[in-house]
N, C-alpha and C. Protein backbone atom coordinates (compact mmCIF):
# COMPACT_ATOMS: atom_id res chain seq x y z
N MET A 1 -8.97 17.64 14.75
CA MET A 1 -8.23 18.87 14.64
C MET A 1 -9.06 19.94 13.94
N VAL A 2 -9.82 19.52 12.94
CA VAL A 2 -10.66 20.49 12.23
C VAL A 2 -11.72 21.04 13.17
N GLU A 3 -12.34 20.14 13.94
CA GLU A 3 -13.38 20.57 14.87
C GLU A 3 -12.83 21.48 15.95
N LYS A 4 -11.55 21.32 16.27
CA LYS A 4 -10.92 22.16 17.30
C LYS A 4 -10.30 23.42 16.69
N ASP A 5 -10.57 23.65 15.40
CA ASP A 5 -10.11 24.84 14.69
C ASP A 5 -8.58 24.95 14.71
N ALA A 6 -7.91 23.82 14.49
CA ALA A 6 -6.46 23.80 14.45
C ALA A 6 -5.96 24.55 13.21
N TYR A 7 -4.75 25.01 13.28
CA TYR A 7 -4.13 25.72 12.17
C TYR A 7 -4.00 24.77 10.98
N CYS A 8 -4.36 25.26 9.80
CA CYS A 8 -4.41 24.41 8.59
C CYS A 8 -3.09 23.69 8.33
N THR A 9 -2.00 24.38 8.50
CA THR A 9 -0.69 23.76 8.26
C THR A 9 -0.46 22.59 9.20
N ASP A 10 -0.88 22.71 10.43
CA ASP A 10 -0.73 21.61 11.38
C ASP A 10 -1.54 20.39 10.95
N ILE A 11 -2.73 20.63 10.42
CA ILE A 11 -3.57 19.54 9.93
C ILE A 11 -2.92 18.88 8.73
N LEU A 12 -2.40 19.67 7.81
CA LEU A 12 -1.74 19.13 6.62
C LEU A 12 -0.53 18.27 7.01
N ILE A 13 0.22 18.70 7.99
CA ILE A 13 1.38 17.93 8.44
C ILE A 13 0.94 16.59 9.04
N GLN A 14 -0.14 16.60 9.80
CA GLN A 14 -0.66 15.37 10.38
C GLN A 14 -1.17 14.41 9.30
N VAL A 15 -1.84 14.96 8.31
CA VAL A 15 -2.34 14.13 7.20
C VAL A 15 -1.16 13.52 6.45
N ALA A 16 -0.12 14.29 6.22
CA ALA A 16 1.07 13.77 5.54
C ALA A 16 1.71 12.65 6.36
N ALA A 17 1.73 12.78 7.66
CA ALA A 17 2.29 11.74 8.53
C ALA A 17 1.47 10.46 8.46
N VAL A 18 0.16 10.60 8.43
CA VAL A 18 -0.71 9.44 8.31
C VAL A 18 -0.49 8.76 6.96
N ASN A 19 -0.41 9.55 5.89
CA ASN A 19 -0.16 8.98 4.57
C ASN A 19 1.17 8.24 4.53
N ALA A 20 2.20 8.81 5.14
CA ALA A 20 3.50 8.14 5.16
C ALA A 20 3.43 6.82 5.91
N ALA A 21 2.70 6.80 7.02
CA ALA A 21 2.55 5.55 7.78
C ALA A 21 1.81 4.49 6.97
N LEU A 22 0.76 4.90 6.28
CA LEU A 22 0.01 3.95 5.45
C LEU A 22 0.86 3.44 4.29
N ASN A 23 1.64 4.31 3.67
CA ASN A 23 2.52 3.88 2.58
C ASN A 23 3.56 2.88 3.08
N SER A 24 4.09 3.11 4.25
CA SER A 24 5.06 2.19 4.83
C SER A 24 4.42 0.83 5.09
N PHE A 25 3.21 0.85 5.63
CA PHE A 25 2.48 -0.40 5.87
C PHE A 25 2.21 -1.12 4.56
N ASN A 26 1.79 -0.38 3.52
CA ASN A 26 1.51 -0.98 2.22
C ASN A 26 2.76 -1.66 1.65
N LYS A 27 3.92 -1.03 1.79
CA LYS A 27 5.16 -1.62 1.29
C LYS A 27 5.45 -2.95 1.97
N GLU A 28 5.30 -2.98 3.28
CA GLU A 28 5.54 -4.22 4.04
C GLU A 28 4.54 -5.31 3.65
N LEU A 29 3.28 -4.93 3.54
CA LEU A 29 2.24 -5.89 3.18
C LEU A 29 2.45 -6.43 1.78
N LEU A 30 2.80 -5.56 0.84
CA LEU A 30 3.06 -5.99 -0.53
C LEU A 30 4.25 -6.93 -0.60
N ALA A 31 5.32 -6.60 0.11
CA ALA A 31 6.50 -7.47 0.12
C ALA A 31 6.16 -8.84 0.69
N ASN A 32 5.40 -8.87 1.76
CA ASN A 32 4.99 -10.14 2.36
C ASN A 32 4.10 -10.92 1.40
N HIS A 33 3.20 -10.24 0.73
CA HIS A 33 2.30 -10.89 -0.23
C HIS A 33 3.10 -11.53 -1.36
N ILE A 34 4.10 -10.81 -1.87
CA ILE A 34 4.92 -11.35 -2.97
C ILE A 34 5.71 -12.55 -2.49
N ARG A 35 6.30 -12.45 -1.29
CA ARG A 35 7.12 -13.57 -0.77
C ARG A 35 6.31 -14.82 -0.46
N THR A 36 5.04 -14.64 -0.13
CA THR A 36 4.24 -15.79 0.27
C THR A 36 3.23 -16.16 -0.82
N CYS A 37 2.16 -15.46 -0.90
CA CYS A 37 1.05 -15.81 -1.80
C CYS A 37 1.48 -15.89 -3.26
N VAL A 38 2.15 -14.85 -3.74
CA VAL A 38 2.54 -14.81 -5.15
C VAL A 38 3.56 -15.91 -5.45
N ALA A 39 4.58 -16.03 -4.61
CA ALA A 39 5.60 -17.05 -4.84
C ALA A 39 4.99 -18.45 -4.83
N ASN A 40 4.10 -18.72 -3.88
CA ASN A 40 3.46 -20.04 -3.82
C ASN A 40 2.62 -20.31 -5.06
N ASP A 41 1.86 -19.31 -5.50
CA ASP A 41 1.03 -19.50 -6.69
C ASP A 41 1.88 -19.76 -7.93
N ILE A 42 2.99 -19.05 -8.06
CA ILE A 42 3.87 -19.27 -9.22
C ILE A 42 4.46 -20.67 -9.17
N ARG A 43 4.87 -21.11 -7.99
CA ARG A 43 5.39 -22.48 -7.86
C ARG A 43 4.35 -23.51 -8.25
N GLU A 44 3.07 -23.20 -7.98
CA GLU A 44 1.98 -24.12 -8.31
C GLU A 44 1.51 -23.96 -9.76
N GLY A 45 2.17 -23.10 -10.53
CA GLY A 45 1.83 -22.92 -11.93
C GLY A 45 0.67 -21.98 -12.19
N LYS A 46 0.27 -21.20 -11.20
CA LYS A 46 -0.84 -20.26 -11.36
C LYS A 46 -0.30 -18.92 -11.88
N ASP A 47 -0.03 -18.89 -13.18
CA ASP A 47 0.58 -17.71 -13.78
C ASP A 47 -0.35 -16.49 -13.78
N GLU A 48 -1.65 -16.69 -13.61
CA GLU A 48 -2.58 -15.56 -13.56
C GLU A 48 -2.30 -14.65 -12.36
N THR A 49 -1.60 -15.19 -11.38
CA THR A 49 -1.24 -14.39 -10.21
C THR A 49 -0.32 -13.25 -10.60
N ILE A 50 0.51 -13.46 -11.62
CA ILE A 50 1.40 -12.39 -12.09
C ILE A 50 0.57 -11.22 -12.63
N ASP A 51 -0.46 -11.53 -13.41
CA ASP A 51 -1.34 -10.48 -13.93
C ASP A 51 -2.04 -9.74 -12.79
N GLU A 52 -2.46 -10.48 -11.78
CA GLU A 52 -3.10 -9.87 -10.62
C GLU A 52 -2.14 -8.94 -9.89
N LEU A 53 -0.89 -9.37 -9.75
CA LEU A 53 0.11 -8.54 -9.09
C LEU A 53 0.39 -7.28 -9.89
N VAL A 54 0.53 -7.40 -11.20
CA VAL A 54 0.75 -6.23 -12.05
C VAL A 54 -0.40 -5.26 -11.93
N ASN A 55 -1.63 -5.78 -11.94
CA ASN A 55 -2.81 -4.94 -11.80
C ASN A 55 -2.81 -4.22 -10.45
N THR A 56 -2.46 -4.93 -9.42
CA THR A 56 -2.39 -4.32 -8.08
C THR A 56 -1.34 -3.23 -8.03
N LEU A 57 -0.16 -3.48 -8.60
CA LEU A 57 0.89 -2.47 -8.61
C LEU A 57 0.48 -1.23 -9.39
N GLN A 58 -0.22 -1.43 -10.50
CA GLN A 58 -0.69 -0.28 -11.27
C GLN A 58 -1.66 0.57 -10.46
N LYS A 59 -2.53 -0.08 -9.70
CA LYS A 59 -3.47 0.67 -8.85
C LYS A 59 -2.75 1.42 -7.75
N LEU A 60 -1.72 0.80 -7.18
CA LEU A 60 -0.98 1.44 -6.09
C LEU A 60 -0.15 2.62 -6.57
N MET A 61 0.22 2.61 -7.84
CA MET A 61 1.10 3.65 -8.37
C MET A 61 0.36 4.83 -8.97
N LYS A 62 -0.92 4.88 -8.80
CA LYS A 62 -1.70 6.01 -9.35
C LYS A 62 -1.36 7.28 -8.63
């Protein structure tokens, strides 16, 4: 769009749409990770997984 000299507002709207799609994907991936990997690790007594999850959430919330 930039190379085609599109109107700036149109580009911003497209970027916002891409960001929303990525955020939606991240939510689904995180939920699946918690239900599978994190839950399994906790059942196996790997409590360090909780710290890893907290660290990941902090990075995602920046």
